[in-house]
Amino acid sequence: MQKLVLDLAERSAWTGAEAALGLAAVGLADIPVWWAAPIALLAASAKAWVAGRLGRKGTASTLPAAKDPATPAF
């Protein structure tokens, strides 16, 4: 159960960070706010790329394998 809560917290934090980055970027660039969504999608894509190289293979998690719920329990 603790791994599930940790996974939910990680996913929520990343989603919030991506949305905040999108809003901050449009605020700094002084462009229409609808650009926040594509910027957040680019941030999510970059996070997935990094997670694919640092996290457990086959997951989008940035958690270490010991804390990743997708890791088998054997």
Protein backbone atom coordinates (compact mmCIF):
# COMPACT_ATOMS: atom_id res chain seq x y z
CA MET A 1 0.00 0.00 0.00
CA GLN A 2 2.87 2.36 0.82
CA LYS A 3 4.34 1.89 -2.69
CA LEU A 4 0.98 2.80 -4.23
CA VAL A 5 0.75 5.99 -2.16
CA LEU A 6 4.33 6.87 -3.10
CA ASP A 7 3.57 6.25 -6.78
CA LEU A 8 0.43 8.42 -6.63
CA ALA A 9 2.38 11.18 -4.89
CA GLU A 10 5.14 11.01 -7.51
CA ARG A 11 2.70 11.17 -10.42
CA SER A 12 0.73 14.03 -8.83
CA ALA A 13 3.89 16.00 -8.10
CA TRP A 14 5.19 15.59 -11.67
CA THR A 15 1.84 16.60 -13.16
CA GLY A 16 1.69 19.67 -10.93
CA ALA A 17 5.28 20.61 -11.77
CA GLU A 18 4.64 20.27 -15.50
CA ALA A 19 1.50 22.43 -15.29
CA ALA A 20 3.31 25.05 -13.19
CA LEU A 21 6.22 25.09 -15.64
CA GLY A 22 3.80 25.66 -18.52
CA LEU A 23 2.08 28.53 -16.72
CA ALA A 24 5.38 30.08 -15.65
CA ALA A 25 6.69 29.91 -19.21
CA VAL A 26 3.68 31.67 -20.69
CA GLY A 27 3.84 34.28 -17.95
CA LEU A 28 7.52 34.99 -18.58
CA ALA A 29 7.17 34.94 -22.36
CA ASP A 30 4.04 37.11 -22.25
CA ILE A 31 2.18 34.82 -24.67
CA PRO A 32 -1.45 33.62 -24.55
CA VAL A 33 -2.19 31.19 -21.71
CA TRP A 34 -3.37 28.43 -24.08
CA TRP A 35 0.32 27.85 -24.87
CA ALA A 36 0.68 26.43 -21.33
CA ALA A 37 -0.82 23.09 -22.43
CA PRO A 38 1.68 22.38 -25.25
CA ILE A 39 4.54 23.51 -23.01
CA ALA A 40 3.35 21.17 -20.24
CA LEU A 41 3.13 18.34 -22.79
CA LEU A 42 6.72 19.00 -23.83
CA ALA A 43 7.76 18.91 -20.16
CA ALA A 44 5.92 15.59 -19.72
CA SER A 45 7.65 14.19 -22.77
CA ALA A 46 11.04 15.29 -21.46
CA LYS A 47 10.27 13.72 -18.07
CA ALA A 48 9.29 10.44 -19.75
CA TRP A 49 12.54 10.46 -21.74
CA VAL A 50 14.59 11.01 -18.57
CA ALA A 51 12.59 8.40 -16.64
CA GLY A 52 13.17 5.90 -19.42
CA ARG A 53 16.90 6.27 -18.93
CA LEU A 54 17.03 6.65 -15.12
CA GLY A 55 13.96 4.80 -13.83
CA ARG A 56 12.98 1.15 -13.95
CA LYS A 57 12.86 -0.21 -17.52
CA GLY A 58 9.33 -0.38 -18.96
CA THR A 59 7.82 2.16 -16.56
CA ALA A 60 7.51 5.92 -16.62
CA SER A 61 8.55 6.13 -12.98
CA THR A 62 11.48 8.14 -11.73
CA LEU A 63 11.37 6.19 -8.47
CA PRO A 64 14.16 3.74 -7.70
CA ALA A 65 13.27 0.09 -8.38
CA ALA A 66 12.94 -0.69 -4.65
CA LYS A 67 10.15 1.89 -4.27
CA ASP A 68 8.49 1.44 -7.67
CA PRO A 69 5.15 -0.42 -7.46
CA ALA A 70 5.82 -1.96 -10.89
CA THR A 71 8.83 -3.84 -9.50
CA PRO A 72 8.03 -7.51 -8.76
CA ALA A 73 8.09 -8.35 -5.04
CA PHE A 74 10.42 -11.38 -5.20
